[in-house]
Protein backbone atom coordinates (compact mmCIF):
# COMPACT_ATOMS: atom_id res chain seq x y z
CA MET A 1 -21.33 -32.48 -19.06
CA SER A 2 -24.14 -31.67 -16.64
CA GLU A 3 -24.91 -28.18 -15.38
CA PRO A 4 -23.43 -28.48 -11.83
CA ASP A 5 -20.22 -30.02 -13.16
CA ASP A 6 -19.98 -27.25 -15.74
CA MET A 7 -20.33 -24.57 -13.04
CA ILE A 8 -17.63 -26.23 -10.95
CA GLU A 9 -15.30 -26.32 -13.95
CA LYS A 10 -16.02 -22.65 -14.69
CA ALA A 11 -15.33 -21.73 -11.06
CA LYS A 12 -12.05 -23.66 -11.05
CA ALA A 13 -10.96 -22.00 -14.30
CA GLU A 14 -11.86 -18.52 -13.01
CA ILE A 15 -10.09 -19.00 -9.68
CA SER A 16 -7.03 -20.41 -11.42
CA GLY A 17 -6.97 -17.53 -13.90
CA MET A 18 -7.40 -14.95 -11.16
CA ALA A 19 -4.59 -16.52 -9.14
CA LYS A 20 -2.20 -16.63 -12.10
CA GLN A 21 -3.00 -13.26 -13.70
CA GLY A 22 -3.86 -11.19 -10.64
CA LEU A 23 -5.41 -7.83 -11.47
CA ALA A 24 -4.89 -8.45 -15.19
CA HIS A 25 -7.65 -11.10 -15.13
CA PRO A 26 -11.06 -9.66 -16.10
CA SER A 27 -12.82 -11.20 -13.08
CA THR A 28 -10.48 -9.93 -10.38
CA LYS A 29 -11.60 -6.29 -10.24
CA PRO A 30 -15.37 -7.03 -10.17
CA VAL A 31 -14.87 -9.61 -7.41
CA LEU A 32 -12.74 -7.19 -5.37
CA THR A 33 -15.34 -4.47 -5.89
CA GLY A 34 -18.06 -6.84 -4.70
CA ALA A 35 -15.95 -7.67 -1.65
CA ALA A 36 -15.52 -3.97 -0.86
CA ILE A 37 -19.24 -3.26 -1.22
CA GLY A 38 -20.05 -6.25 0.97
CA ALA A 39 -17.56 -5.10 3.60
CA VAL A 40 -19.10 -1.62 3.71
CA ALA A 41 -22.58 -3.13 3.98
CA GLY A 42 -21.32 -5.44 6.72
CA ALA A 43 -19.88 -2.50 8.62
CA LEU A 44 -23.10 -0.49 8.34
CA LEU A 45 -25.65 -3.22 9.03
CA PRO A 46 -25.96 -4.32 12.64
CA VAL A 47 -26.84 -7.95 11.79
CA VAL A 48 -23.90 -8.59 9.46
CA SER A 49 -20.25 -8.29 10.45
CA LEU A 50 -17.53 -6.87 8.21
CA PRO A 51 -15.89 -10.25 7.34
CA ILE A 52 -19.24 -11.86 6.53
CA GLY A 53 -20.18 -8.91 4.31
CA LEU A 54 -16.81 -9.07 2.56
CA ILE A 55 -17.14 -12.79 1.85
CA ALA A 56 -20.76 -12.47 0.77
CA GLY A 57 -20.01 -9.55 -1.56
CA ALA A 58 -17.09 -11.36 -3.17
CA GLY A 59 -19.16 -14.54 -3.48
CA ILE A 60 -22.03 -12.77 -5.18
CA ALA A 61 -19.72 -10.98 -7.63
CA PHE A 62 -17.87 -14.23 -8.37
CA TRP A 63 -21.16 -16.11 -8.91
CA GLN A 64 -22.31 -13.45 -11.38
CA ARG A 65 -19.05 -13.82 -13.32
CA ILE A 66 -19.21 -17.61 -13.67
CA ARG A 67 -22.96 -17.81 -14.19
CA ARG A 68 -22.74 -16.49 -17.76
């Protein structure tokens, strides 16, 4: 399996696990923390809005989880 396909499979597995297990899944809390940090940064920075910061923070935390 090539690298991009492997990352897509990892992402699907993580999202599925997070949806099924909720806060019991090991990736849920770090992704929510990343979303909260991004939202705060979005609220404080004039160029970034709160929703964009929230999505970016969650995306970065999620990427770090599946990258391993």
